[in-house]
Every structure is written in C-alpha cells, then in structure tokens.
Amino acid sequence: MLRQRTAYMILLSLLMLVLVACGKSTTEATDATSSKQATTVEEKSTQTIKHLKGTSVVPKKIERMVVLSAAYIDHMLTIGEKPAGVNVEIRYGGDYLPYLADQLQGVPTVGSADSPNLEAIVQIDPDVIVIESRTAENSYDQLEKIAPTIVLGDDWMDYNGDTEYWTQDLLTIAGMYNKVDLAKEKIAEVEQQADQLKAKIEQLDQKKLAYLRVREKNLQIYAATGHPTNTLLYHDLGFEPSAVTPAEQREDLSMEKIADIDANYVVLEADPNAQDYLSKMKESSLWKNVPAVVTGQVYQTDSFWLFKGWGAIGRIEILNEIKDMIQ
C-alpha cells in the first residue's frame, strides 16, 4: 500500500512538472507573439526618413509639421498639406511670404530660419520639424530636442545648375505624406507650362534677357545658372543671357556698366529700401539707352522670384508673369 502511494505521489509530481512546463512555454509564446505584434504595430505607425543629418523616425501619419523655409512652405501647400508653423523673415516683411499668404492664414509663425522661436515651436508640439542645411548649422541640436528634425536641401551657393534640383525636397516631403504621385503631377504641370512658354519664346526675334536687382546702394545682375530661378529663365525657357550676365553667380553692376546691358527684356526687382537708387538709375541716360528700356520691355516685378523659383506654386507664378511680359 505504501509502495502504491509513493508511486502515485511521484506520478502526480511528474504531471505537475509537465503542466508547469507547458504553461511556461505558452506564456513565453504569448509574450513573444505580443512583442512581435507590438513591434509590427510600431513599424506600421512610423517611417524612417534619410536626410543630411542621418535618419529620423517620424509618425507615418504626420499631423503637425513645422517648416523653416519658404521653399518647404510652397512644397507642403503644393501637395495640399498646411504647415503647423512657418518661419517669417525681415526680407519679406516679417510676416507670411506674400505670394503664399492667402493659404497660410491662421498658421502660427515661429521666428526666422536663422533665429527660430523655440518656445513658439514647443507650443505647437510638432510631430516633425523640417529645416534647411543653413538653419541646421546653428539650431539643429536645439530643434532636435523638441521633435525629430529633418535637414533637407543644401546651401544655395552650392547649387550646381541642376535643372531638376528644385524638385528633390518637394518629393522628399511628399514622400513623408505618401503623396509622391501628386507631387510628380504638380512637377509635370510646371514642366508642361514651361515647355509651352519656351515654344513662344523660341519664336521671338530677339530674346536676350537681363535679370536685375536694385539694392539700397547698388545694382546687381543675376547669373545664367547658380539658382533654380536662373536656370528656369535661361535653360528651361530658353532666354539668352545678356552680354553682362555672369555665368554662375550674381555680380554687382556699376552705373557705368549699365551701358553694356544689351538685353531685349529686363526683369527688374527693387528692394524696399532701394527707391532712391532706382530713381537715380532711371534718370540716367545710360539706362534710357538700354534696348529693353527703349522698347518698353522692362518688367518690374516683386522681390520674391528667388523664393518662387524653389517651389511649384512659385514657379507657376513666374511663368505667368513672363507670359505677360512677352505678349
């Protein structure tokens, strides 16, 4: 009887060990499955963006993006997304960039790209911040503490005349919203409109163009390359550079050099503080003898073409202005 009882107890103990082992295995399997599911959910809810400072993990569905670049504001609006915060600059009046202002009403401003208002950005609680390389030189570490900070573009002085360079950051931002196809459609619309305008410009007997900017105390002429707006004019549209148009970077143009401007068309920008110099220049006999002045082909535009050249919305505005200019 004792022997039977002992055997029974041993059998019961073995059974208990088996049950414990099975329970542990089940728990471990459940934990592993839960962990795997959690990882899968996390992977599905985030995306990894490669940029100039490495990589950043941001939400798959971005709800609040702060941008510190006029170009990136244009890019977001191009794909139908409204920024949660935008930079302002003294050079465009300390407010919204004028040509985008109607679409930005109510969007908080967060200081300039060079000196962002960190407190204002914190209050927005952004999912992601997008900045240019120039901004990153001074502010990246501070901004990265607030939210994942994506550094795009490059210093415009390093722009090498790539006629499609302006599209790269648009496509990156569109990718973050899963709207690359829409961005490509918008790019194609710009290119189509440019091609149509180029065909008209090719029919002109004379198509030399000078792109001038009047500053407070001097006159500058923009180059044939070195900036998306320049390559739009001279490459995409087929205008011919004037005799004094530099190849790569803008240059100062002395009053005496005005006599060498042989342009049939002049695009003229004037800084807000340049009115005295502009008046003096227009009174000059040298200016009055410029071919475009003689024929009334001087188009005085706003001072935002350099901003507009980086974005689809801005480039369409430039194309529409040029269409008016050559008619």
Protein backbone atom coordinates (compact mmCIF):
# COMPACT_ATOMS: atom_id res chain seq x y z
CA MET A 1 0.00 0.00 0.00
CA LEU A 2 2.84 2.35 0.88
CA ARG A 3 4.60 1.48 -2.36
CA GLN A 4 1.44 2.30 -4.35
CA ARG A 5 1.06 5.61 -2.55
CA THR A 6 4.67 6.54 -3.25
CA ALA A 7 4.27 5.70 -6.92
CA TYR A 8 1.11 7.80 -7.03
CA MET A 9 2.89 10.79 -5.47
CA ILE A 10 5.76 10.51 -7.97
CA LEU A 11 3.32 10.33 -10.86
CA LEU A 12 1.43 13.37 -9.55
CA SER A 13 4.67 15.34 -9.22
CA LEU A 14 5.69 14.50 -12.77
CA LEU A 15 2.28 15.56 -14.00
CA MET A 16 2.59 18.90 -12.18
CA LEU A 17 6.02 19.49 -13.72
CA VAL A 18 4.63 18.83 -17.20
CA LEU A 19 1.76 21.25 -16.61
CA VAL A 20 4.12 23.96 -15.32
CA ALA A 21 6.42 23.49 -18.30
CA CYS A 22 3.52 23.71 -20.72
CA GLY A 23 2.23 26.83 -19.00
CA LYS A 24 5.64 28.46 -19.16
CA SER A 25 6.01 27.64 -22.83
CA THR A 26 2.55 29.03 -23.54
CA THR A 27 3.35 32.22 -21.62
CA GLU A 28 6.66 32.64 -23.42
CA ALA A 29 4.98 32.05 -26.77
CA THR A 30 2.25 34.55 -25.90
CA ASP A 31 4.82 37.13 -24.74
CA ALA A 32 6.86 36.61 -27.91
CA THR A 33 3.74 37.00 -30.06
CA SER A 34 2.71 40.16 -28.17
CA SER A 35 6.19 41.59 -28.52
CA LYS A 36 6.23 40.81 -32.22
CA GLN A 37 2.79 42.35 -32.66
CA ALA A 38 3.86 45.47 -30.76
CA THR A 39 6.95 45.78 -32.95
CA THR A 40 4.82 45.34 -36.08
CA VAL A 41 2.36 47.99 -34.90
CA GLU A 42 5.25 50.37 -34.17
CA GLU A 43 6.78 49.72 -37.57
CA LYS A 44 3.45 50.39 -39.25
CA SER A 45 2.91 53.63 -37.33
CA THR A 46 6.30 55.19 -38.08
CA GLN A 47 8.56 55.87 -41.03
CA THR A 48 12.30 56.44 -41.26
CA ILE A 49 13.47 59.47 -43.22
CA LYS A 50 17.02 59.80 -44.50
CA HIS A 51 18.38 63.35 -44.57
CA LEU A 52 21.57 65.40 -44.31
CA LYS A 53 21.98 64.70 -40.59
CA GLY A 54 21.38 60.96 -40.83
CA THR A 55 17.98 59.35 -40.29
CA SER A 56 14.92 60.27 -38.25
CA VAL A 57 11.91 58.22 -37.20
CA VAL A 58 8.67 60.17 -37.57
CA PRO A 59 4.97 59.22 -37.47
CA LYS A 60 3.53 57.53 -40.52
CA LYS A 61 0.64 59.96 -40.29
CA ILE A 62 2.08 63.42 -39.72
CA GLU A 63 -0.37 65.87 -38.21
CA ARG A 64 1.85 68.82 -37.23
CA MET A 65 4.86 69.70 -39.37
CA VAL A 66 6.80 72.90 -38.68
CA VAL A 67 8.85 74.18 -41.63
CA LEU A 68 11.59 76.81 -41.55
CA SER A 69 11.96 77.54 -45.25
CA ALA A 70 9.91 79.40 -47.83
CA ALA A 71 10.50 76.54 -50.25
CA TYR A 72 9.13 73.94 -47.84
CA ILE A 73 6.02 76.04 -47.24
CA ASP A 74 5.47 76.01 -51.01
CA HIS A 75 6.09 72.25 -51.12
CA MET A 76 3.55 71.48 -48.41
CA LEU A 77 0.85 73.64 -49.97
CA THR A 78 1.60 72.07 -53.36
CA ILE A 79 0.55 68.65 -52.03
CA GLY A 80 -2.44 70.03 -50.13
CA GLU A 81 -0.93 70.00 -46.65
CA LYS A 82 -0.98 73.01 -44.33
CA PRO A 83 2.05 73.62 -42.09
CA ALA A 84 1.55 73.72 -38.34
CA GLY A 85 4.12 76.52 -38.07
CA VAL A 86 6.15 78.60 -40.53
CA ASN A 87 9.14 80.90 -40.45
CA VAL A 88 8.98 84.60 -41.22
CA GLU A 89 11.79 86.81 -42.47
CA ILE A 90 12.55 90.52 -42.36
CA ARG A 91 13.24 90.45 -46.09
CA TYR A 92 9.61 89.58 -46.77
CA GLY A 93 8.11 91.95 -44.27
CA GLY A 94 8.28 89.88 -41.10
CA ASP A 95 5.05 88.11 -41.99
CA TYR A 96 3.89 85.30 -44.27
CA LEU A 97 5.61 85.13 -47.62
CA PRO A 98 3.24 87.36 -49.65
CA TYR A 99 2.56 85.02 -52.56
CA LEU A 100 1.51 82.25 -50.14
CA ALA A 101 -0.15 84.41 -47.50
CA ASP A 102 -3.74 83.65 -48.53
CA GLN A 103 -3.19 79.94 -47.92
CA LEU A 104 -1.44 80.43 -44.58
CA GLN A 105 -3.99 82.45 -42.63
CA GLY A 106 -4.09 81.25 -39.02
CA VAL A 107 -0.83 79.30 -39.18
CA PRO A 108 1.44 80.21 -36.22
CA THR A 109 4.72 81.94 -37.05
CA VAL A 110 7.86 80.68 -35.32
CA GLY A 111 10.57 83.27 -35.90
CA SER A 112 13.09 83.29 -38.72
CA ALA A 113 15.01 80.38 -40.16
CA ASP A 114 18.22 81.84 -38.74
CA SER A 115 16.70 82.52 -35.30
CA PRO A 116 13.72 80.23 -34.74
CA ASN A 117 11.44 80.92 -31.79
CA LEU A 118 11.91 77.70 -29.84
CA GLU A 119 9.18 78.49 -27.33
CA ALA A 120 6.65 79.02 -30.12
CA ILE A 121 7.66 75.71 -31.70
CA VAL A 122 7.32 73.86 -28.38
CA GLN A 123 3.77 75.20 -28.01
CA ILE A 124 2.84 73.68 -31.38
CA ASP A 125 4.10 70.26 -30.20
CA PRO A 126 5.15 69.23 -33.72
CA ASP A 127 5.48 65.67 -34.99
CA VAL A 128 8.42 66.76 -37.12
CA ILE A 129 10.42 69.88 -37.97
CA VAL A 130 11.90 70.42 -41.45
CA ILE A 131 14.79 72.83 -41.96
CA GLU A 132 17.48 73.75 -44.48
CA SER A 133 21.16 72.97 -44.05
CA ARG A 134 21.93 76.61 -43.28
CA THR A 135 19.48 76.61 -40.38
CA ALA A 136 20.96 73.35 -39.11
CA GLU A 137 24.37 74.95 -38.62
CA ASN A 138 23.09 76.94 -35.63
CA SER A 139 19.81 75.39 -34.50
CA TYR A 140 19.71 71.66 -35.23
CA ASP A 141 20.60 70.41 -31.73
CA GLN A 142 18.02 72.66 -30.07
CA LEU A 143 15.28 71.77 -32.54
CA GLU A 144 16.03 68.05 -32.35
CA LYS A 145 15.23 68.18 -28.60
CA ILE A 146 11.74 69.40 -29.45
CA ALA A 147 10.87 66.95 -32.26
CA PRO A 148 12.55 64.82 -34.94
CA THR A 149 14.25 67.37 -37.19
CA ILE A 150 14.74 66.68 -40.90
CA VAL A 151 17.52 68.60 -42.64
CA LEU A 152 16.97 68.95 -46.39
CA GLY A 153 18.44 70.86 -49.30
CA ASP A 154 21.84 72.42 -49.27
CA ASP A 155 23.26 75.89 -49.11
CA TRP A 156 22.07 77.55 -52.32
CA MET A 157 25.63 78.69 -53.03
CA ASP A 158 26.43 75.01 -53.66
CA TYR A 159 23.66 74.72 -56.23
CA ASN A 160 25.32 73.43 -59.40
CA GLY A 161 22.82 74.29 -62.09
CA ASP A 162 20.89 71.01 -61.90
CA THR A 163 17.64 71.99 -63.61
CA GLU A 164 15.64 69.47 -61.53
CA TYR A 165 17.29 70.29 -58.20
CA TRP A 166 14.26 72.22 -57.01
CA THR A 167 12.11 69.05 -57.19
CA GLN A 168 14.17 66.95 -54.77
CA ASP A 169 12.93 68.36 -51.48
CA LEU A 170 9.37 68.53 -52.79
CA LEU A 171 9.48 64.79 -53.49
CA THR A 172 11.00 64.07 -50.06
CA ILE A 173 8.29 66.00 -48.23
CA ALA A 174 5.61 64.45 -50.43
CA GLY A 175 7.00 61.02 -49.55
CA MET A 176 6.52 61.74 -45.87
CA TYR A 177 2.81 62.19 -46.60
CA ASN A 178 2.61 59.31 -49.11
CA LYS A 179 1.85 61.84 -51.85
CA VAL A 180 4.75 61.35 -54.24
CA ASP A 181 2.42 60.71 -57.18
CA LEU A 182 0.63 64.01 -56.53
CA ALA A 183 3.95 65.85 -56.32
CA LYS A 184 5.04 64.33 -59.63
CA GLU A 185 1.78 65.51 -61.20
CA LYS A 186 2.44 69.05 -59.98
CA ILE A 187 6.02 68.93 -61.27
CA ALA A 188 4.74 67.72 -64.64
CA GLU A 189 2.26 70.63 -64.75
CA VAL A 190 5.10 73.10 -64.18
CA GLU A 191 7.23 71.46 -66.86
CA GLN A 192 4.37 71.40 -69.35
CA GLN A 193 3.64 75.08 -68.81
CA ALA A 194 7.36 75.88 -69.15
CA ASP A 195 7.58 73.92 -72.40
CA GLN A 196 4.59 75.78 -73.82
CA LEU A 197 6.12 79.12 -72.88
CA LYS A 198 9.52 78.11 -74.25
CA ALA A 199 7.90 77.42 -77.61
CA LYS A 200 6.60 81.00 -77.65
CA ILE A 201 9.97 82.43 -76.62
CA GLU A 202 11.69 80.48 -79.40
CA GLN A 203 9.55 82.41 -81.90
CA LEU A 204 10.86 85.77 -80.68
CA ASP A 205 13.31 87.50 -83.00
CA GLN A 206 15.25 88.84 -80.02
CA LYS A 207 15.31 87.11 -76.66
CA LYS A 208 18.24 88.40 -74.64
CA LEU A 209 17.25 88.87 -71.04
CA ALA A 210 18.85 90.54 -68.02
CA TYR A 211 17.59 89.77 -64.53
CA LEU A 212 18.43 92.77 -62.32
CA ARG A 213 18.03 93.61 -58.67
CA VAL A 214 18.27 97.13 -57.31
CA ARG A 215 19.68 97.25 -53.79
CA GLU A 216 19.88 100.20 -51.42
CA LYS A 217 23.22 101.42 -52.79
CA ASN A 218 23.97 99.34 -55.87
CA LEU A 219 22.66 97.35 -58.80
CA GLN A 220 23.13 93.60 -59.16
CA ILE A 221 22.65 91.23 -62.10
CA TYR A 222 21.77 87.58 -61.62
CA ALA A 223 23.67 84.79 -63.33
CA ALA A 224 22.68 82.31 -66.03
CA THR A 225 23.00 79.42 -63.55
CA GLY A 226 23.58 79.06 -59.81
CA HIS A 227 19.93 79.20 -58.74
CA PRO A 228 16.67 77.47 -59.80
CA THR A 229 15.15 80.78 -60.93
CA ASN A 230 18.15 81.46 -63.16
CA THR A 231 18.07 78.04 -64.80
CA LEU A 232 14.32 78.37 -65.27
CA LEU A 233 14.88 81.55 -67.27
CA TYR A 234 17.90 80.61 -69.32
CA HIS A 235 17.63 76.81 -69.58
CA ASP A 236 14.01 75.78 -69.25
CA LEU A 237 12.59 78.80 -71.10
CA GLY A 238 15.45 79.48 -73.49
CA PHE A 239 16.13 83.16 -72.91
CA GLU A 240 19.63 84.21 -73.96
CA PRO A 241 21.90 85.83 -71.35
CA SER A 242 22.82 89.46 -71.94
CA ALA A 243 26.43 90.49 -72.56
CA VAL A 244 26.89 91.33 -68.88
CA THR A 245 25.03 88.33 -67.42
CA PRO A 246 27.57 86.31 -65.36
CA ALA A 247 27.79 82.55 -65.80
CA GLU A 248 27.40 81.25 -62.24
CA GLN A 249 26.94 83.89 -59.52
CA ARG A 250 25.30 87.28 -59.37
CA GLU A 251 27.55 90.30 -59.60
CA ASP A 252 27.43 93.99 -58.78
CA LEU A 253 26.91 96.20 -61.79
CA SER A 254 28.30 99.72 -61.64
CA MET A 255 26.30 102.62 -63.08
CA GLU A 256 28.79 102.82 -65.95
CA LYS A 257 28.23 99.17 -66.81
CA ILE A 258 24.54 99.82 -67.45
CA ALA A 259 25.55 100.93 -70.94
CA ASP A 260 26.66 97.34 -71.67
CA ILE A 261 23.25 95.81 -70.95
CA ASP A 262 22.15 94.69 -74.41
CA ALA A 263 19.02 92.90 -73.20
CA ASN A 264 15.78 92.92 -75.15
CA TYR A 265 13.95 92.09 -71.94
CA VAL A 266 14.75 93.20 -68.40
CA VAL A 267 13.27 91.69 -65.27
CA LEU A 268 13.73 94.29 -62.54
CA GLU A 269 13.40 93.73 -58.82
CA ALA A 270 13.81 96.52 -56.28
CA ASP A 271 14.41 96.11 -52.55
CA PRO A 272 12.07 98.13 -50.29
CA ASN A 273 14.97 100.45 -49.34
CA ALA A 274 16.16 100.89 -52.94
CA GLN A 275 13.81 103.60 -54.16
CA ASP A 276 16.42 106.38 -54.16
CA TYR A 277 18.91 104.34 -56.16
CA LEU A 278 16.15 103.14 -58.50
CA SER A 279 15.06 106.72 -59.21
CA LYS A 280 18.64 107.79 -59.85
CA MET A 281 19.18 104.85 -62.21
CA LYS A 282 16.02 105.51 -64.19
CA GLU A 283 17.01 109.14 -64.68
CA SER A 284 20.35 108.09 -66.14
CA SER A 285 20.84 108.44 -69.91
CA LEU A 286 22.73 105.14 -69.79
CA TRP A 287 19.62 103.37 -68.51
CA LYS A 288 17.38 105.09 -71.04
CA ASN A 289 19.51 103.68 -73.86
CA VAL A 290 19.20 100.03 -72.78
CA PRO A 291 17.35 98.23 -75.62
CA ALA A 292 14.64 96.86 -73.29
CA VAL A 293 14.05 100.36 -71.91
CA VAL A 294 13.82 101.86 -75.40
CA THR A 295 11.21 99.30 -76.47
CA GLY A 296 9.32 99.32 -73.19
CA GLN A 297 10.22 95.72 -72.33
CA VAL A 298 11.21 96.29 -68.69
CA TYR A 299 9.14 94.16 -66.33
CA GLN A 300 9.32 95.37 -62.74
CA THR A 301 8.24 92.52 -60.52
CA ASP A 302 8.12 91.84 -56.80
CA SER A 303 11.29 90.88 -54.96
CA PHE A 304 10.33 87.24 -54.45
CA TRP A 305 11.37 85.47 -57.64
CA LEU A 306 14.33 83.92 -55.84
CA PHE A 307 11.90 82.33 -53.37
CA LYS A 308 9.38 81.37 -56.03
CA GLY A 309 11.95 79.51 -58.11
CA TRP A 310 12.24 76.76 -55.47
CA GLY A 311 8.59 75.67 -55.48
CA ALA A 312 5.88 74.53 -57.88
CA ILE A 313 3.42 77.24 -56.85
CA GLY A 314 6.06 79.95 -57.15
CA ARG A 315 7.37 78.72 -60.50
CA ILE A 316 3.87 78.80 -61.98
CA GLU A 317 3.60 82.43 -60.84
CA ILE A 318 6.92 83.26 -62.55
CA LEU A 319 5.77 81.56 -65.74
CA ASN A 320 2.53 83.54 -65.73
CA GLU A 321 4.44 86.79 -65.23
CA ILE A 322 6.81 86.00 -68.09
CA LYS A 323 3.87 85.13 -70.33
CA ASP A 324 2.51 88.64 -69.66
CA MET A 325 5.96 90.13 -70.23
CA ILE A 326 6.46 88.76 -73.74
CA GLN A 327 2.96 89.44 -75.04
